[in-house]
């Protein structure tokens, strides 16, 4: 089995920040059901939703000097909203999981395998 990162990307056009908890409840329920399915089928490794992009802090020590900046690494309307780490037999299975995860969370999902040893 290979581990894959299924990352949920938002393009800034979604109104998640404007939605009330009642409006978000169907999304929470769909994601919870998908998470439960992943766990029951042994595909689950780890998952998490991220706080809003305004909570990001970027650290840069590439020049040998510590630089800490409030805000995201790049200025973009697109941002990472959450992720799953799953185990799948192959890319086709990972893509099917991403398809179902995208439907559950209402966002686009990028699929990338972890590097092998």
PDB file of N, CA and C in Angstrom:
ATOM      1  N   UNK A   1       0.841  -1.182   0.000  1.00  0.00           N
ATOM      2  CA  UNK A   1       0.000   0.000   0.000  1.00  0.00           C
ATOM      3  C   UNK A   1       0.887   1.247   0.000  1.00  0.00           C
ATOM      4  N   UNK A   2       0.467   2.235  -0.731  1.00  0.00           N
ATOM      5  CA  UNK A   2       1.157   3.512  -0.801  1.00  0.00           C
ATOM      6  C   UNK A   2       0.339   4.554  -0.053  1.00  0.00           C
ATOM      7  N   UNK A   3       1.011   5.470   0.609  1.00  0.00           N
ATOM      8  CA  UNK A   3       0.303   6.564   1.257  1.00  0.00           C
ATOM      9  C   UNK A   3       0.209   7.743   0.298  1.00  0.00           C
ATOM     10  N   UNK A   4      -0.961   8.362   0.297  1.00  0.00           N
ATOM     11  CA  UNK A   4      -1.229   9.509  -0.555  1.00  0.00           C
ATOM     12  C   UNK A   4      -1.723  10.669   0.296  1.00  0.00           C
ATOM     13  N   UNK A   5      -1.343  11.877  -0.108  1.00  0.00           N
ATOM     14  CA  UNK A   5      -1.881  13.083   0.484  1.00  0.00           C
ATOM     15  C   UNK A   5      -3.035  13.548  -0.391  1.00  0.00           C
ATOM     16  N   UNK A   6      -4.212  13.656   0.190  1.00  0.00           N
ATOM     17  CA  UNK A   6      -5.370  14.223  -0.494  1.00  0.00           C
ATOM     18  C   UNK A   6      -5.569  15.608   0.120  1.00  0.00           C
ATOM     19  N   UNK A   7      -5.165  16.636  -0.593  1.00  0.00           N
ATOM     20  CA  UNK A   7      -5.227  17.988  -0.032  1.00  0.00           C
ATOM     21  C   UNK A   7      -6.408  18.743  -0.623  1.00  0.00           C
ATOM     22  N   UNK A   8      -7.136  19.403   0.255  1.00  0.00           N
ATOM     23  CA  UNK A   8      -8.343  20.138  -0.121  1.00  0.00           C
ATOM     24  C   UNK A   8      -7.964  21.593  -0.353  1.00  0.00           C
ATOM     25  N   UNK A   9      -8.188  22.056  -1.562  1.00  0.00           N
ATOM     26  CA  UNK A   9      -7.840  23.428  -1.923  1.00  0.00           C
ATOM     27  C   UNK A   9      -9.096  24.255  -2.134  1.00  0.00           C
ATOM     28  N   UNK A  10      -9.053  25.469  -1.631  1.00  0.00           N
ATOM     29  CA  UNK A  10     -10.130  26.422  -1.835  1.00  0.00           C
ATOM     30  C   UNK A  10      -9.588  27.547  -2.702  1.00  0.00           C
ATOM     31  N   UNK A  11     -10.418  28.047  -3.607  1.00  0.00           N
ATOM     32  CA  UNK A  11      -9.939  29.100  -4.502  1.00  0.00           C
ATOM     33  C   UNK A  11     -10.357  30.499  -4.086  1.00  0.00           C
ATOM     34  N   UNK A  12     -10.913  30.618  -2.903  1.00  0.00           N
ATOM     35  CA  UNK A  12     -11.295  31.929  -2.409  1.00  0.00           C
ATOM     36  C   UNK A  12     -12.679  32.367  -2.861  1.00  0.00           C
ATOM     37  N   UNK A  13     -13.246  31.669  -3.841  1.00  0.00           N
ATOM     38  CA  UNK A  13     -14.581  32.047  -4.309  1.00  0.00           C
ATOM     39  C   UNK A  13     -15.671  31.381  -3.468  1.00  0.00           C
ATOM     40  N   UNK A  14     -15.294  30.351  -2.707  1.00  0.00           N
ATOM     41  CA  UNK A  14     -16.276  29.715  -1.843  1.00  0.00           C
ATOM     42  C   UNK A  14     -16.612  30.653  -0.703  1.00  0.00           C
ATOM     43  N   UNK A  15     -17.805  30.555  -0.223  1.00  0.00           N
ATOM     44  CA  UNK A  15     -18.241  31.429   0.853  1.00  0.00           C
ATOM     45  C   UNK A  15     -18.250  30.712   2.196  1.00  0.00           C
ATOM     46  N   UNK A  16     -17.286  29.804   2.426  1.00  0.00           N
ATOM     47  CA  UNK A  16     -17.260  29.051   3.676  1.00  0.00           C
ATOM     48  C   UNK A  16     -17.190  29.979   4.885  1.00  0.00           C
ATOM     49  N   UNK A  17     -16.406  31.043   4.761  1.00  0.00           N
ATOM     50  CA  UNK A  17     -16.250  31.957   5.886  1.00  0.00           C
ATOM     51  C   UNK A  17     -17.551  32.693   6.203  1.00  0.00           C
ATOM     52  N   UNK A  18     -18.396  32.845   5.211  1.00  0.00           N
ATOM     53  CA  UNK A  18     -19.649  33.572   5.396  1.00  0.00           C
ATOM     54  C   UNK A  18     -20.794  32.670   5.864  1.00  0.00           C
ATOM     55  N   UNK A  19     -20.577  31.362   5.818  1.00  0.00           N
ATOM     56  CA  UNK A  19     -21.648  30.422   6.151  1.00  0.00           C
ATOM     57  C   UNK A  19     -21.843  30.315   7.659  1.00  0.00           C
ATOM     58  N   UNK A  20     -23.071  30.143   8.055  1.00  0.00           N
ATOM     59  CA  UNK A  20     -23.389  29.938   9.469  1.00  0.00           C
ATOM     60  C   UNK A  20     -23.084  28.486   9.833  1.00  0.00           C
ATOM     61  N   UNK A  21     -22.959  28.196  11.114  1.00  0.00           N
ATOM     62  CA  UNK A  21     -22.760  26.795  11.515  1.00  0.00           C
ATOM     63  C   UNK A  21     -23.883  25.878  10.997  1.00  0.00           C
ATOM     64  N   UNK A  22     -25.094  26.387  10.953  1.00  0.00           N
ATOM     65  CA  UNK A  22     -26.210  25.579  10.446  1.00  0.00           C
ATOM     66  C   UNK A  22     -26.036  25.273   8.958  1.00  0.00           C
ATOM     67  N   UNK A  23     -25.531  26.236   8.206  1.00  0.00           N
ATOM     68  CA  UNK A  23     -25.298  26.018   6.781  1.00  0.00           C
ATOM     69  C   UNK A  23     -24.131  25.065   6.540  1.00  0.00           C
ATOM     70  N   UNK A  24     -23.161  25.065   7.440  1.00  0.00           N
ATOM     71  CA  UNK A  24     -21.996  24.189   7.303  1.00  0.00           C
ATOM     72  C   UNK A  24     -22.277  22.767   7.777  1.00  0.00           C
ATOM     73  N   UNK A  25     -23.313  22.573   8.555  1.00  0.00           N
ATOM     74  CA  UNK A  25     -23.596  21.268   9.158  1.00  0.00           C
ATOM     75  C   UNK A  25     -23.647  20.129   8.139  1.00  0.00           C
ATOM     76  N   UNK A  26     -24.302  20.281   6.964  1.00  0.00           N
ATOM     77  CA  UNK A  26     -24.289  19.176   5.992  1.00  0.00           C
ATOM     78  C   UNK A  26     -22.879  18.808   5.514  1.00  0.00           C
ATOM     79  N   UNK A  27     -21.996  19.801   5.397  1.00  0.00           N
ATOM     80  CA  UNK A  27     -20.606  19.529   4.997  1.00  0.00           C
ATOM     81  C   UNK A  27     -19.899  18.763   6.107  1.00  0.00           C
ATOM     82  N   UNK A  28     -20.079  19.208   7.352  1.00  0.00           N
ATOM     83  CA  UNK A  28     -19.463  18.507   8.479  1.00  0.00           C
ATOM     84  C   UNK A  28     -19.921  17.053   8.526  1.00  0.00           C
ATOM     85  N   UNK A  29     -21.204  16.829   8.321  1.00  0.00           N
ATOM     86  CA  UNK A  29     -21.753  15.474   8.364  1.00  0.00           C
ATOM     87  C   UNK A  29     -21.221  14.613   7.223  1.00  0.00           C
ATOM     88  N   UNK A  30     -21.124  15.186   6.021  1.00  0.00           N
ATOM     89  CA  UNK A  30     -20.608  14.435   4.878  1.00  0.00           C
ATOM     90  C   UNK A  30     -19.139  14.070   5.072  1.00  0.00           C
ATOM     91  N   UNK A  31     -18.349  15.006   5.578  1.00  0.00           N
ATOM     92  CA  UNK A  31     -16.926  14.728   5.820  1.00  0.00           C
ATOM     93  C   UNK A  31     -16.776  13.693   6.932  1.00  0.00           C
ATOM     94  N   UNK A  32     -17.581  13.802   7.974  1.00  0.00           N
ATOM     95  CA  UNK A  32     -17.534  12.827   9.060  1.00  0.00           C
ATOM     96  C   UNK A  32     -17.868  11.427   8.543  1.00  0.00           C
ATOM     97  N   UNK A  33     -18.867  11.320   7.682  1.00  0.00           N
ATOM     98  CA  UNK A  33     -19.232  10.018   7.111  1.00  0.00           C
ATOM     99  C   UNK A  33     -18.092   9.472   6.252  1.00  0.00           C
ATOM    100  N   UNK A  34     -17.454  10.338   5.453  1.00  0.00           N
ATOM    101  CA  UNK A  34     -16.319   9.909   4.636  1.00  0.00           C
ATOM    102  C   UNK A  34     -15.158   9.463   5.521  1.00  0.00           C
ATOM    103  N   UNK A  35     -14.862  10.228   6.583  1.00  0.00           N
ATOM    104  CA  UNK A  35     -13.795   9.848   7.515  1.00  0.00           C
ATOM    105  C   UNK A  35     -14.078   8.492   8.148  1.00  0.00           C
ATOM    106  N   UNK A  36     -15.308   8.272   8.553  1.00  0.00           N
ATOM    107  CA  UNK A  36     -15.698   6.993   9.162  1.00  0.00           C
ATOM    108  C   UNK A  36     -15.498   5.847   8.176  1.00  0.00           C
ATOM    109  N   UNK A  37     -15.880   6.072   6.921  1.00  0.00           N
ATOM    110  CA  UNK A  37     -15.682   5.044   5.889  1.00  0.00           C
ATOM    111  C   UNK A  37     -14.198   4.729   5.709  1.00  0.00           C
ATOM    112  N   UNK A  38     -13.359   5.772   5.652  1.00  0.00           N
ATOM    113  CA  UNK A  38     -11.917   5.555   5.515  1.00  0.00           C
ATOM    114  C   UNK A  38     -11.382   4.734   6.682  1.00  0.00           C
ATOM    115  N   UNK A  39     -11.829   5.052   7.885  1.00  0.00           N
ATOM    116  CA  UNK A  39     -11.359   4.334   9.070  1.00  0.00           C
ATOM    117  C   UNK A  39     -11.817   2.888   9.041  1.00  0.00           C
ATOM    118  N   UNK A  40     -13.062   2.648   8.691  1.00  0.00           N
ATOM    119  CA  UNK A  40     -13.607   1.293   8.696  1.00  0.00           C
ATOM    120  C   UNK A  40     -12.989   0.408   7.620  1.00  0.00           C
ATOM    121  N   UNK A  41     -12.532   1.000   6.521  1.00  0.00           N
ATOM    122  CA  UNK A  41     -11.934   0.220   5.439  1.00  0.00           C
ATOM    123  C   UNK A  41     -10.417   0.129   5.545  1.00  0.00           C
ATOM    124  N   UNK A  42      -9.836   0.720   6.597  1.00  0.00           N
ATOM    125  CA  UNK A  42      -8.391   0.638   6.789  1.00  0.00           C
ATOM    126  C   UNK A  42      -7.592   1.564   5.899  1.00  0.00           C
ATOM    127  N   UNK A  43      -8.232   2.534   5.269  1.00  0.00           N
ATOM    128  CA  UNK A  43      -7.540   3.485   4.379  1.00  0.00           C
ATOM    129  C   UNK A  43      -7.047   4.711   5.134  1.00  0.00           C
ATOM    130  N   UNK A  44      -7.614   4.968   6.299  1.00  0.00           N
ATOM    131  CA  UNK A  44      -7.323   6.153   7.100  1.00  0.00           C
ATOM    132  C   UNK A  44      -5.925   6.089   7.695  1.00  0.00           C
ATOM    133  N   UNK A  45      -5.148   7.139   7.553  1.00  0.00           N
ATOM    134  CA  UNK A  45      -3.893   7.308   8.272  1.00  0.00           C
ATOM    135  C   UNK A  45      -4.027   8.516   9.196  1.00  0.00           C
ATOM    136  N   UNK A  46      -4.421   9.649   8.608  1.00  0.00           N
ATOM    137  CA  UNK A  46      -4.543  10.884   9.379  1.00  0.00           C
ATOM    138  C   UNK A  46      -5.295  11.899   8.535  1.00  0.00           C
ATOM    139  N   UNK A  47      -5.976  12.825   9.170  1.00  0.00           N
ATOM    140  CA  UNK A  47      -6.660  13.905   8.450  1.00  0.00           C
ATOM    141  C   UNK A  47      -6.791  15.107   9.358  1.00  0.00           C
ATOM    142  N   UNK A  48      -7.000  16.247   8.755  1.00  0.00           N
ATOM    143  CA  UNK A  48      -7.221  17.441   9.548  1.00  0.00           C
ATOM    144  C   UNK A  48      -7.685  18.604   8.707  1.00  0.00           C
ATOM    145  N   UNK A  49      -8.506  19.426   9.310  1.00  0.00           N
ATOM    146  CA  UNK A  49      -8.901  20.692   8.715  1.00  0.00           C
ATOM    147  C   UNK A  49      -8.019  21.776   9.296  1.00  0.00           C
ATOM    148  N   UNK A  50      -7.760  22.785   8.514  1.00  0.00           N
ATOM    149  CA  UNK A  50      -6.881  23.868   8.944  1.00  0.00           C
ATOM    150  C   UNK A  50      -7.678  25.119   9.276  1.00  0.00           C
ATOM    151  N   UNK A  51      -7.171  25.887  10.220  1.00  0.00           N
ATOM    152  CA  UNK A  51      -7.767  27.186  10.521  1.00  0.00           C
ATOM    153  C   UNK A  51      -7.623  28.072   9.287  1.00  0.00           C
ATOM    154  N   UNK A  52      -8.299  29.191   9.296  1.00  0.00           N
ATOM    155  CA  UNK A  52      -8.268  30.107   8.158  1.00  0.00           C
ATOM    156  C   UNK A  52      -6.876  30.597   7.829  1.00  0.00           C
ATOM    157  N   UNK A  53      -6.701  31.014   6.601  1.00  0.00           N
ATOM    158  CA  UNK A  53      -5.389  31.442   6.111  1.00  0.00           C
ATOM    159  C   UNK A  53      -4.853  32.644   6.900  1.00  0.00           C
ATOM    160  N   UNK A  54      -5.740  33.411   7.510  1.00  0.00           N
ATOM    161  CA  UNK A  54      -5.290  34.566   8.299  1.00  0.00           C
ATOM    162  C   UNK A  54      -4.513  34.142   9.543  1.00  0.00           C
ATOM    163  N   UNK A  55      -4.589  32.860   9.911  1.00  0.00           N
ATOM    164  CA  UNK A  55      -3.863  32.369  11.083  1.00  0.00           C
ATOM    165  C   UNK A  55      -2.457  31.871  10.736  1.00  0.00           C
ATOM    166  N   UNK A  56      -2.083  31.914   9.460  1.00  0.00           N
ATOM    167  CA  UNK A  56      -0.786  31.385   9.021  1.00  0.00           C
ATOM    168  C   UNK A  56       0.379  32.259   9.469  1.00  0.00           C
ATOM    169  N   UNK A  57       1.511  31.606   9.729  1.00  0.00           N
ATOM    170  CA  UNK A  57       2.783  32.270   9.997  1.00  0.00           C
ATOM    171  C   UNK A  57       3.830  31.560   9.151  1.00  0.00           C
ATOM    172  N   UNK A  58       4.686  32.321   8.497  1.00  0.00           N
ATOM    173  CA  UNK A  58       5.729  31.749   7.650  1.00  0.00           C
ATOM    174  C   UNK A  58       7.089  31.945   8.309  1.00  0.00           C
ATOM    175  N   UNK A  59       7.879  30.880   8.360  1.00  0.00           N
ATOM    176  CA  UNK A  59       9.225  30.905   8.930  1.00  0.00           C
ATOM    177  C   UNK A  59      10.223  30.639   7.813  1.00  0.00           C
ATOM    178  N   UNK A  60      11.247  31.472   7.720  1.00  0.00           N
ATOM    179  CA  UNK A  60      12.276  31.325   6.685  1.00  0.00           C
ATOM    180  C   UNK A  60      13.648  31.404   7.333  1.00  0.00           C
ATOM    181  N   UNK A  61      14.403  30.315   7.257  1.00  0.00           N
ATOM    182  CA  UNK A  61      15.772  30.301   7.754  1.00  0.00           C
ATOM    183  C   UNK A  61      16.718  29.850   6.646  1.00  0.00           C
ATOM    184  N   UNK A  62      16.337  30.094   5.387  1.00  0.00           N
ATOM    185  CA  UNK A  62      17.156  29.641   4.263  1.00  0.00           C
ATOM    186  C   UNK A  62      18.448  30.430   4.132  1.00  0.00           C
ATOM    187  N   UNK A  63      18.499  31.637   4.679  1.00  0.00           N
ATOM    188  CA  UNK A  63      19.716  32.451   4.574  1.00  0.00           C
ATOM    189  C   UNK A  63      20.569  32.364   5.833  1.00  0.00           C
ATOM    190  N   UNK A  64      20.148  31.517   6.773  1.00  0.00           N
ATOM    191  CA  UNK A  64      20.881  31.416   8.026  1.00  0.00           C
ATOM    192  C   UNK A  64      20.417  32.408   9.063  1.00  0.00           C
ATOM    193  N   UNK A  65      19.456  33.243   8.712  1.00  0.00           N
ATOM    194  CA  UNK A  65      18.870  34.192   9.658  1.00  0.00           C
ATOM    195  C   UNK A  65      17.384  33.894   9.768  1.00  0.00           C
ATOM    196  N   UNK A  66      16.947  33.862  11.006  1.00  0.00           N
ATOM    197  CA  UNK A  66      15.542  33.563  11.267  1.00  0.00           C
ATOM    198  C   UNK A  66      14.664  34.742  10.851  1.00  0.00           C
ATOM    199  N   UNK A  67      13.650  34.442  10.040  1.00  0.00           N
ATOM    200  CA  UNK A  67      12.667  35.436   9.643  1.00  0.00           C
ATOM    201  C   UNK A  67      11.293  34.838   9.873  1.00  0.00           C
ATOM    202  N   UNK A  68      10.477  35.493  10.672  1.00  0.00           N
ATOM    203  CA  UNK A  68       9.123  35.042  10.965  1.00  0.00           C
ATOM    204  C   UNK A  68       8.175  36.130  10.494  1.00  0.00           C
ATOM    205  N   UNK A  69       7.243  35.752   9.625  1.00  0.00           N
ATOM    206  CA  UNK A  69       6.325  36.711   9.027  1.00  0.00           C
ATOM    207  C   UNK A  69       4.896  36.247   9.239  1.00  0.00           C
ATOM    208  N   UNK A  70       4.046  37.147   9.715  1.00  0.00           N
ATOM    209  CA  UNK A  70       2.627  36.827   9.803  1.00  0.00           C
ATOM    210  C   UNK A  70       2.070  36.675   8.392  1.00  0.00           C
ATOM    211  N   UNK A  71       1.290  35.629   8.195  1.00  0.00           N
ATOM    212  CA  UNK A  71       0.637  35.432   6.911  1.00  0.00           C
ATOM    213  C   UNK A  71       1.144  34.211   6.173  1.00  0.00           C
ATOM    214  N   UNK A  72       0.490  33.910   5.085  1.00  0.00           N
ATOM    215  CA  UNK A  72       0.814  32.700   4.310  1.00  0.00           C
ATOM    216  C   UNK A  72       2.129  32.846   3.546  1.00  0.00           C
ATOM    217  N   UNK A  73       2.654  31.713   3.090  1.00  0.00           N
ATOM    218  CA  UNK A  73       3.903  31.678   2.341  1.00  0.00           C
ATOM    219  C   UNK A  73       3.785  32.472   1.054  1.00  0.00           C
ATOM    220  N   UNK A  74       2.674  32.318   0.349  1.00  0.00           N
ATOM    221  CA  UNK A  74       2.518  33.016  -0.926  1.00  0.00           C
ATOM    222  C   UNK A  74       1.230  33.828  -0.926  1.00  0.00           C
ATOM    223  N   UNK A  75       1.248  34.905  -1.656  1.00  0.00           N
ATOM    224  CA  UNK A  75       0.056  35.728  -1.831  1.00  0.00           C
ATOM    225  C   UNK A  75      -0.767  35.102  -2.952  1.00  0.00           C
ATOM    226  N   UNK A  76      -1.891  34.542  -2.581  1.00  0.00           N
ATOM    227  CA  UNK A  76      -2.715  33.855  -3.555  1.00  0.00           C
ATOM    228  C   UNK A  76      -4.137  33.805  -3.042  1.00  0.00           C
ATOM    229  N   UNK A  77      -5.083  33.771  -3.956  1.00  0.00           N
ATOM    230  CA  UNK A  77      -6.463  33.612  -3.508  1.00  0.00           C
ATOM    231  C   UNK A  77      -6.752  32.146  -3.203  1.00  0.00           C
ATOM    232  N   UNK A  78      -5.905  31.236  -3.661  1.00  0.00           N
ATOM    233  CA  UNK A  78      -6.071  29.815  -3.379  1.00  0.00           C
ATOM    234  C   UNK A  78      -5.322  29.453  -2.105  1.00  0.00           C
ATOM    235  N   UNK A  79      -5.887  28.533  -1.342  1.00  0.00           N
ATOM    236  CA  UNK A  79      -5.230  28.133  -0.099  1.00  0.00           C
ATOM    237  C   UNK A  79      -5.617  26.713   0.270  1.00  0.00           C
ATOM    238  N   UNK A  80      -4.777  26.100   1.083  1.00  0.00           N
ATOM    239  CA  UNK A  80      -5.000  24.753   1.578  1.00  0.00           C
ATOM    240  C   UNK A  80      -5.946  24.826   2.762  1.00  0.00           C
ATOM    241  N   UNK A  81      -7.053  24.089   2.671  1.00  0.00           N
ATOM    242  CA  UNK A  81      -8.052  24.130   3.730  1.00  0.00           C
ATOM    243  C   UNK A  81      -8.028  22.934   4.658  1.00  0.00           C
ATOM    244  N   UNK A  82      -7.496  21.820   4.176  1.00  0.00           N
ATOM    245  CA  UNK A  82      -7.442  20.604   4.982  1.00  0.00           C
ATOM    246  C   UNK A  82      -6.842  19.486   4.160  1.00  0.00           C
ATOM    247  N   UNK A  83      -6.782  18.303   4.749  1.00  0.00           N
ATOM    248  CA  UNK A  83      -6.133  17.194   4.055  1.00  0.00           C
ATOM    249  C   UNK A  83      -6.519  15.862   4.685  1.00  0.00           C
ATOM    250  N   UNK A  84      -6.288  14.817   3.918  1.00  0.00           N
ATOM    251  CA  UNK A  84      -6.318  13.447   4.406  1.00  0.00           C
ATOM    252  C   UNK A  84      -5.003  12.800   3.999  1.00  0.00           C
ATOM    253  N   UNK A  85      -4.475  11.940   4.841  1.00  0.00           N
ATOM    254  CA  UNK A  85      -3.407  11.026   4.450  1.00  0.00           C
ATOM    255  C   UNK A  85      -4.060   9.652   4.460  1.00  0.00           C
ATOM    256  N   UNK A  86      -4.021   8.983   3.308  1.00  0.00           N
ATOM    257  CA  UNK A  86      -4.699   7.694   3.166  1.00  0.00           C
ATOM    258  C   UNK A  86      -3.728   6.656   2.644  1.00  0.00           C
ATOM    259  N   UNK A  87      -4.098   5.403   2.821  1.00  0.00           N
ATOM    260  CA  UNK A  87      -3.365   4.303   2.207  1.00  0.00           C
ATOM    261  C   UNK A  87      -4.233   3.747   1.100  1.00  0.00           C
ATOM    262  N   UNK A  88      -3.637   3.596  -0.077  1.00  0.00           N
ATOM    263  CA  UNK A  88      -4.367   3.076  -1.229  1.00  0.00           C
ATOM    264  C   UNK A  88      -3.476   2.105  -1.984  1.00  0.00           C
ATOM    265  N   UNK A  89      -4.104   1.147  -2.638  1.00  0.00           N
ATOM    266  CA  UNK A  89      -3.354   0.135  -3.383  1.00  0.00           C
ATOM    267  C   UNK A  89      -2.611   0.743  -4.566  1.00  0.00           C
ATOM    268  N   UNK A  90      -3.194   1.776  -5.179  1.00  0.00           N
ATOM    269  CA  UNK A  90      -2.588   2.402  -6.349  1.00  0.00           C
ATOM    270  C   UNK A  90      -3.217   3.768  -6.578  1.00  0.00           C
ATOM    271  N   UNK A  91      -2.743   4.467  -7.606  1.00  0.00           N
ATOM    272  CA  UNK A  91      -3.246   5.803  -7.900  1.00  0.00           C
ATOM    273  C   UNK A  91      -4.734   5.787  -8.211  1.00  0.00           C
ATOM    274  N   UNK A  92      -5.198   4.779  -8.923  1.00  0.00           N
ATOM    275  CA  UNK A  92      -6.623   4.719  -9.258  1.00  0.00           C
ATOM    276  C   UNK A  92      -7.492   4.696  -8.000  1.00  0.00           C
ATOM    277  N   UNK A  93      -7.089   3.919  -7.004  1.00  0.00           N
ATOM    278  CA  UNK A  93      -7.849   3.872  -5.765  1.00  0.00           C
ATOM    279  C   UNK A  93      -7.766   5.212  -5.035  1.00  0.00           C
ATOM    280  N   UNK A  94      -6.588   5.837  -5.037  1.00  0.00           N
ATOM    281  CA  UNK A  94      -6.431   7.143  -4.389  1.00  0.00           C
ATOM    282  C   UNK A  94      -7.314   8.190  -5.077  1.00  0.00           C
ATOM    283  N   UNK A  95      -7.402   8.127  -6.401  1.00  0.00           N
ATOM    284  CA  UNK A  95      -8.250   9.063  -7.135  1.00  0.00           C
ATOM    285  C   UNK A  95      -9.719   8.856  -6.803  1.00  0.00           C
ATOM    286  N   UNK A  96     -10.134   7.616  -6.632  1.00  0.00           N
ATOM    287  CA  UNK A  96     -11.519   7.337  -6.246  1.00  0.00           C
ATOM    288  C   UNK A  96     -11.806   7.878  -4.849  1.00  0.00           C
ATOM    289  N   UNK A  97     -10.864   7.721  -3.934  1.00  0.00           N
ATOM    290  CA  UNK A  97     -11.036   8.284  -2.591  1.00  0.00           C
ATOM    291  C   UNK A  97     -11.124   9.809  -2.661  1.00  0.00           C
ATOM    292  N   UNK A  98     -10.281  10.418  -3.480  1.00  0.00           N
ATOM    293  CA  UNK A  98     -10.310  11.874  -3.638  1.00  0.00           C
ATOM    294  C   UNK A  98     -11.636  12.336  -4.233  1.00  0.00           C
ATOM    295  N   UNK A  99     -12.155  11.565  -5.160  1.00  0.00           N
ATOM    296  CA  UNK A  99     -13.451  11.880  -5.774  1.00  0.00           C
ATOM    297  C   UNK A  99     -14.533  11.945  -4.698  1.00  0.00           C
ATOM    298  N   UNK A 100     -14.549  10.967  -3.821  1.00  0.00           N
ATOM    299  CA  UNK A 100     -15.551  10.928  -2.753  1.00  0.00           C
ATOM    300  C   UNK A 100     -15.270  12.009  -1.702  1.00  0.00           C
ATOM    301  N   UNK A 101     -14.007  12.262  -1.404  1.00  0.00           N
ATOM    302  CA  UNK A 101     -13.663  13.306  -0.455  1.00  0.00           C
ATOM    303  C   UNK A 101     -14.046  14.691  -0.965  1.00  0.00           C
ATOM    304  N   UNK A 102     -13.848  14.927  -2.249  1.00  0.00           N
ATOM    305  CA  UNK A 102     -14.219  16.204  -2.859  1.00  0.00           C
ATOM    306  C   UNK A 102     -15.722  16.442  -2.755  1.00  0.00           C
ATOM    307  N   UNK A 103     -16.490  15.408  -3.022  1.00  0.00           N
ATOM    308  CA  UNK A 103     -17.944  15.532  -2.911  1.00  0.00           C
ATOM    309  C   UNK A 103     -18.346  15.825  -1.470  1.00  0.00           C
ATOM    310  N   UNK A 104     -17.661  15.204  -0.523  1.00  0.00           N
ATOM    311  CA  UNK A 104     -18.011  15.375   0.892  1.00  0.00           C
ATOM    312  C   UNK A 104     -17.704  16.783   1.388  1.00  0.00           C
ATOM    313  N   UNK A 105     -16.531  17.312   1.034  1.00  0.00           N
ATOM    314  CA  UNK A 105     -16.114  18.599   1.600  1.00  0.00           C
ATOM    315  C   UNK A 105     -16.469  19.791   0.728  1.00  0.00           C
ATOM    316  N   UNK A 106     -16.880  19.539  -0.493  1.00  0.00           N
ATOM    317  CA  UNK A 106     -17.252  20.647  -1.373  1.00  0.00           C
ATOM    318  C   UNK A 106     -16.075  21.442  -1.884  1.00  0.00           C
ATOM    319  N   UNK A 107     -14.907  20.814  -1.957  1.00  0.00           N
ATOM    320  CA  UNK A 107     -13.708  21.500  -2.458  1.00  0.00           C
ATOM    321  C   UNK A 107     -12.927  20.600  -3.396  1.00  0.00           C
ATOM    322  N   UNK A 108     -12.034  21.209  -4.166  1.00  0.00           N
ATOM    323  CA  UNK A 108     -11.156  20.433  -5.049  1.00  0.00           C
ATOM    324  C   UNK A 108     -10.115  19.709  -4.214  1.00  0.00           C
ATOM    325  N   UNK A 109      -9.741  18.508  -4.643  1.00  0.00           N
ATOM    326  CA  UNK A 109      -8.790  17.690  -3.891  1.00  0.00           C
ATOM    327  C   UNK A 109      -7.636  17.299  -4.804  1.00  0.00           C
ATOM    328  N   UNK A 110      -6.430  17.648  -4.395  1.00  0.00           N
ATOM    329  CA  UNK A 110      -5.214  17.256  -5.109  1.00  0.00           C
ATOM    330  C   UNK A 110      -4.705  15.954  -4.515  1.00  0.00           C
ATOM    331  N   UNK A 111      -4.241  15.043  -5.387  1.00  0.00           N
ATOM    332  CA  UNK A 111      -3.729  13.735  -4.959  1.00  0.00           C
ATOM    333  C   UNK A 111      -2.236  13.672  -5.257  1.00  0.00           C
ATOM    334  N   UNK A 112      -1.451  13.356  -4.224  1.00  0.00           N
ATOM    335  CA  UNK A 112       0.002  13.199  -4.411  1.00  0.00           C
ATOM    336  C   UNK A 112       0.502  12.046  -3.559  1.00  0.00           C
ATOM    337  N   UNK A 113       1.280  11.169  -4.172  1.00  0.00           N
ATOM    338  CA  UNK A 113       1.857  10.076  -3.376  1.00  0.00           C
ATOM    339  C   UNK A 113       3.032  10.599  -2.545  1.00  0.00           C
ATOM    340  N   UNK A 114       3.242   9.955  -1.403  1.00  0.00           N
ATOM    341  CA  UNK A 114       4.423  10.239  -0.614  1.00  0.00           C
ATOM    342  C   UNK A 114       5.620   9.573  -1.298  1.00  0.00           C
ATOM    343  N   UNK A 115       6.796  10.133  -1.122  1.00  0.00           N
ATOM    344  CA  UNK A 115       7.994   9.538  -1.692  1.00  0.00           C
ATOM    345  C   UNK A 115       8.215   8.166  -1.090  1.00  0.00           C
ATOM    346  N   UNK A 116       8.647   7.230  -1.938  1.00  0.00           N
ATOM    347  CA  UNK A 116       8.971   5.917  -1.412  1.00  0.00           C
ATOM    348  C   UNK A 116      10.415   5.933  -0.903  1.00  0.00           C
ATOM    349  N   UNK A 117      10.730   4.968  -0.098  1.00  0.00           N
ATOM    350  CA  UNK A 117      12.068   4.930   0.528  1.00  0.00           C
ATOM    351  C   UNK A 117      13.154   4.689  -0.456  1.00  0.00           C
TER     352      UNK A 117
END
